[in-house]
Structure formats: C-alpha cells, structure tokens
Amino acid sequence: MTAQLIGHLDADCFYVSCERVRSPALVFQPVGVLGNQGACVIAKSYEMKATGVKTGMPIWDAVKLCPNGIYVKRDFRWYEAISRRILDATKLVSPHVEYYSIDEMFFDGMHLEQVMGQPLLTAARTLQQQILQQIGVPVSMGISLTKTLAKLVSDTAKPFGCSILLDGTAIQELLDKTAVGEVSGIGKRSEQKLAAHGILNCSDFAKADR
C-alpha cells in the first residue's frame, strides 16, 4: 500500500476562467485580464497566448499582437470567491487540504478512491469534472508521492489534464527530463547557480549533496 498520496490541483488560466464563469460569452475567445491601472496583461487565455501575448506585456503591445482580444479589468474579490468554492469542493473528498495559492492547492488523496467509490485515476477525473460542472473552472490535477512530484505531474497535465505518477521508473523518467527550474521556488538565478555545479535537471537536484 502506498505510504501517502498527495494531490495537486491547479486551475487553468484561473483569472480568465473566473471571468468566463460570470460571462460565458468569453468562452473560446482570446481574453486578457489587466492589472490595476489597465496598463499590463496579468493573465491571458490560451487563445490569446497563441497570438504571442505574454504575462506582464503592456496593453498597447498586446493589442498589436491580438487586436481581436477582449481585455477586462481584474477583480480579485471575485477570483477569491471562486477560489474558496474550489477549496470547499476539494475538502468534500479529502480530510486535509492545503491552500497553496489562489489557484493552487494540495490535498490528501489517500481517501479519494473510497469517497468516490472508483479507482484512483477515475476518482481524480470525477473530482475534476465536478469542479468544472459545479463551479465552471477547468483544473489540472496531478497525484504522486510528494508535493513536489504532484505539482510537477499536474504541470505536465495542463491544460485540463489529470495524471497519476506512482511507479518508481516513471518518476525517474520525469525527473530525468524535467529542468530543475521547473521546481517551484527555483528561479532563473538559482537555476544558473545550480547549473554551475552540474545540476541541470530534477534528477541531478535530487541526488545532489545538500
């Protein structure tokens, strides 16, 4: 029996998804969410991302790349309300849920099969569908043995994917092919420092002398 199962739930394009909950006409449209003064794009839909618009880009540059885009001012109170609904939905199937950020949370997945009455992967997909149908936000999900692995797995599952990684060989393959900079908390500067010591991927990092 697996010692522990940690799930990581990550809402896809969260700010945009929240805007689509209250304005369904925005679904499938290139949408950008603007910051406080409306000067920069702080979030964008996959449709807008495909045009080359990047997070942090000034609105005047974004409009040049995506003239047909729909740009809306951010509403953090609304996003917080939706985030709490996702948190509550996750608590119904897990005894322990950690609120990691407004669009991410970890949860104890040990009881997921029992609560859902389904095999683990099917149960995880059921939770994913419940959140989409009841709240309107698509989420990606990863389940593994640790928080770091669960987050890496959910990242590879985006968008709206669901994946479970428990097999030792499969875990090693993921660590071998994933750049160390993909680990949460390791930024560009730390990645460069690690590279100077020959630590390039997650496998190198796991084996390194602390």
Protein backbone atom coordinates (compact mmCIF):
# COMPACT_ATOMS: atom_id res chain seq x y z
CA MET A 1 0.00 0.00 0.00
CA THR A 2 1.29 3.45 -0.91
CA ALA A 3 2.59 5.35 2.12
CA GLN A 4 0.90 8.57 1.01
CA LEU A 5 -0.84 10.12 -1.94
CA ILE A 6 -0.51 13.86 -2.44
CA GLY A 7 -2.71 15.60 -4.96
CA HIS A 8 -2.04 18.97 -6.57
CA LEU A 9 -4.91 20.86 -8.13
CA ASP A 10 -4.11 23.82 -10.39
CA ALA A 11 -6.82 25.91 -12.03
CA ASP A 12 -6.23 26.52 -15.74
CA CYS A 13 -5.93 30.21 -16.73
CA PHE A 14 -7.62 30.96 -13.43
CA TYR A 15 -8.37 34.68 -13.74
CA VAL A 16 -9.72 34.20 -17.26
CA SER A 17 -11.69 31.13 -16.18
CA CYS A 18 -13.29 33.17 -13.39
CA GLU A 19 -14.29 35.86 -15.86
CA ARG A 20 -15.83 33.19 -18.07
CA VAL A 21 -17.90 31.86 -15.15
CA ARG A 22 -19.88 35.11 -14.98
CA SER A 23 -19.58 35.96 -18.68
CA PRO A 24 -19.99 32.73 -20.70
CA ALA A 25 -19.68 34.70 -23.95
CA LEU A 26 -15.95 34.89 -23.21
CA VAL A 27 -15.53 31.11 -23.60
CA PHE A 28 -13.24 30.23 -26.55
CA GLN A 29 -12.43 33.94 -27.01
CA PRO A 30 -8.94 35.46 -26.70
CA VAL A 31 -9.20 37.08 -23.27
CA GLY A 32 -6.68 39.14 -21.34
CA VAL A 33 -7.02 40.28 -17.74
CA LEU A 34 -5.49 43.67 -16.99
CA GLY A 35 -3.81 44.90 -13.82
CA ASN A 36 -4.74 47.77 -11.51
CA GLN A 37 -4.25 50.62 -13.95
CA GLY A 38 -5.20 48.62 -17.02
CA ALA A 39 -1.68 49.02 -18.38
CA CYS A 40 -0.45 45.41 -18.39
CA VAL A 41 -1.80 41.95 -19.11
CA ILE A 42 -1.55 39.96 -15.87
CA ALA A 43 -3.30 36.84 -17.23
CA LYS A 44 -4.41 35.58 -20.60
CA SER A 45 -6.38 32.73 -22.13
CA TYR A 46 -4.73 30.01 -24.19
CA GLU A 47 -6.32 31.59 -27.27
CA MET A 48 -4.60 34.91 -26.54
CA LYS A 49 -1.34 33.19 -25.59
CA ALA A 50 -1.29 31.59 -29.04
CA THR A 51 -1.03 35.07 -30.61
CA GLY A 52 2.18 35.78 -28.73
CA VAL A 53 0.82 37.86 -25.86
CA LYS A 54 2.80 37.28 -22.66
CA THR A 55 2.07 37.91 -19.00
CA GLY A 56 3.29 41.38 -18.00
CA MET A 57 3.07 42.74 -21.54
CA PRO A 58 1.85 46.36 -21.85
CA ILE A 59 -1.68 46.60 -23.21
CA TRP A 60 -0.57 48.61 -26.25
CA ASP A 61 1.80 45.82 -27.31
CA ALA A 62 -0.80 43.13 -26.59
CA VAL A 63 -3.37 44.87 -28.79
CA LYS A 64 -0.92 44.88 -31.69
CA LEU A 65 -0.48 41.11 -31.41
CA CYS A 66 -4.10 40.36 -30.60
CA PRO A 67 -6.33 43.16 -31.95
CA ASN A 68 -9.43 40.98 -31.62
CA GLY A 69 -8.75 40.22 -27.97
CA ILE A 70 -11.17 41.03 -25.17
CA TYR A 71 -9.44 42.87 -22.34
CA VAL A 72 -11.06 43.07 -18.89
CA LYS A 73 -10.01 44.71 -15.61
CA ARG A 74 -9.07 42.32 -12.83
CA ASP A 75 -11.49 41.59 -9.98
CA PHE A 76 -9.61 39.90 -7.15
CA ARG A 77 -12.67 39.69 -4.89
CA TRP A 78 -14.46 37.61 -7.50
CA TYR A 79 -11.40 35.42 -8.03
CA GLU A 80 -11.11 34.85 -4.28
CA ALA A 81 -14.77 33.82 -4.10
CA ILE A 82 -14.30 31.26 -6.88
CA SER A 83 -11.08 30.01 -5.28
CA ARG A 84 -12.91 29.36 -2.00
CA ARG A 85 -15.56 27.37 -3.86
CA ILE A 86 -12.85 25.15 -5.36
CA LEU A 87 -11.32 24.76 -1.90
CA ASP A 88 -14.68 23.73 -0.41
CA ALA A 89 -15.29 21.21 -3.21
CA THR A 90 -11.89 19.63 -2.60
CA LYS A 91 -12.50 19.43 1.15
CA LEU A 92 -15.53 17.23 0.47
CA VAL A 93 -13.27 14.45 -0.83
CA SER A 94 -10.11 14.97 1.23
CA PRO A 95 -9.58 15.23 5.00
CA HIS A 96 -6.61 17.58 4.56
CA VAL A 97 -6.38 20.38 2.02
CA GLU A 98 -3.57 22.97 1.90
CA TYR A 99 -4.41 26.29 0.30
CA TYR A 100 -1.19 26.96 -1.64
CA SER A 101 -2.27 29.99 -3.66
CA ILE A 102 -5.45 31.47 -5.10
CA ASP A 103 -5.40 28.97 -7.98
CA GLU A 104 -3.48 26.04 -6.48
CA MET A 105 -3.98 23.64 -3.59
CA PHE A 106 -2.57 20.38 -2.32
CA PHE A 107 -4.78 17.66 -0.89
CA ASP A 108 -4.50 14.28 0.80
CA GLY A 109 -5.51 11.75 -1.85
CA MET A 110 -5.47 8.65 0.35
CA HIS A 111 -9.26 8.53 0.70
CA LEU A 112 -10.19 9.61 -2.82
CA GLU A 113 -10.96 6.10 -4.06
CA GLN A 114 -13.13 5.33 -1.04
CA VAL A 115 -15.05 8.61 -1.16
CA MET A 116 -15.74 8.37 -4.89
CA GLY A 117 -16.16 4.59 -4.97
CA GLN A 118 -13.91 4.46 -8.04
CA PRO A 119 -10.31 3.54 -8.99
CA LEU A 120 -7.87 6.33 -8.24
CA LEU A 121 -7.49 7.83 -11.73
CA THR A 122 -11.24 7.66 -12.39
CA ALA A 123 -11.93 9.21 -8.98
CA ALA A 124 -9.50 12.06 -9.69
CA ARG A 125 -11.15 12.71 -13.05
CA THR A 126 -14.56 12.67 -11.38
CA LEU A 127 -13.41 15.38 -8.96
CA GLN A 128 -12.04 17.34 -11.88
CA GLN A 129 -15.39 17.10 -13.71
CA GLN A 130 -17.35 18.01 -10.58
CA ILE A 131 -15.35 21.22 -10.16
CA LEU A 132 -15.89 22.09 -13.83
CA GLN A 133 -19.63 21.37 -13.78
CA GLN A 134 -20.45 22.86 -10.38
CA ILE A 135 -18.10 25.87 -10.39
CA GLY A 136 -17.26 26.33 -14.06
CA VAL A 137 -13.47 26.34 -13.75
CA PRO A 138 -11.26 23.78 -15.52
CA VAL A 139 -8.47 22.40 -13.35
CA SER A 140 -5.45 20.23 -13.98
CA MET A 141 -4.54 17.61 -11.43
CA GLY A 142 -1.54 15.53 -10.50
CA ILE A 143 -1.24 12.85 -7.82
CA SER A 144 2.05 11.41 -6.64
CA LEU A 145 4.11 10.61 -3.53
CA THR A 146 5.25 14.12 -2.56
CA LYS A 147 4.12 17.70 -3.04
CA THR A 148 6.94 18.47 -5.45
CA LEU A 149 6.16 15.45 -7.60
CA ALA A 150 2.43 16.12 -7.52
CA LYS A 151 2.98 19.68 -8.75
CA LEU A 152 5.36 18.55 -11.49
CA VAL A 153 2.79 15.98 -12.61
CA SER A 154 -0.06 18.49 -12.72
CA ASP A 155 2.14 20.90 -14.67
CA THR A 156 2.74 18.25 -17.32
CA ALA A 157 -1.01 17.53 -17.44
CA LYS A 158 -2.04 21.08 -18.39
CA PRO A 159 -4.43 22.11 -19.72
CA PHE A 160 -7.35 20.25 -18.12
CA GLY A 161 -5.38 17.05 -17.70
CA CYS A 162 -5.27 14.55 -14.89
CA SER A 163 -2.32 12.27 -14.23
CA ILE A 164 -1.08 9.92 -11.51
CA LEU A 165 2.59 9.07 -11.07
CA LEU A 166 3.47 6.40 -8.52
CA ASP A 167 5.76 3.98 -10.35
CA GLY A 168 9.42 4.40 -9.47
CA THR A 169 10.66 4.02 -13.06
CA ALA A 170 8.15 6.56 -14.37
CA ILE A 171 9.08 9.00 -11.60
CA GLN A 172 12.77 8.69 -12.51
CA GLU A 173 11.97 9.33 -16.17
CA LEU A 174 10.08 12.50 -15.24
CA LEU A 175 12.95 13.73 -13.06
CA ASP A 176 15.49 13.00 -15.80
CA LYS A 177 13.65 15.04 -18.44
CA THR A 178 12.44 17.95 -16.30
CA ALA A 179 14.68 21.01 -15.96
CA VAL A 180 15.48 21.92 -12.36
CA GLY A 181 13.98 25.36 -12.95
CA GLU A 182 10.57 23.75 -13.18
CA VAL A 183 10.64 23.02 -9.44
CA SER A 184 8.56 25.54 -7.52
CA GLY A 185 10.80 28.04 -5.73
CA ILE A 186 13.78 27.71 -8.08
CA GLY A 187 14.02 30.86 -10.16
CA LYS A 188 16.30 31.81 -13.03
CA ARG A 189 19.17 32.96 -10.81
CA SER A 190 19.08 29.79 -8.70
CA GLU A 191 18.86 27.70 -11.86
CA GLN A 192 22.04 29.35 -13.15
CA LYS A 193 23.85 28.76 -9.84
CA LEU A 194 22.83 25.10 -9.85
CA ALA A 195 23.94 24.70 -13.48
CA ALA A 196 27.42 25.83 -12.44
CA HIS A 197 27.54 22.72 -10.23
CA GLY A 198 26.30 20.44 -13.00
CA ILE A 199 22.74 20.33 -11.67
CA LEU A 200 20.58 20.69 -14.75
CA ASN A 201 17.52 18.52 -14.21
CA CYS A 202 15.39 17.38 -11.30
CA SER A 203 17.24 14.09 -11.09
CA ASP A 204 20.55 15.92 -10.63
CA PHE A 205 18.93 18.04 -7.93
CA ALA A 206 17.54 15.04 -6.05
CA LYS A 207 20.95 13.37 -6.00
CA ALA A 208 22.95 16.48 -5.08
CA ASP A 209 24.71 16.79 -1.73
CA ARG A 210 22.57 19.03 0.46
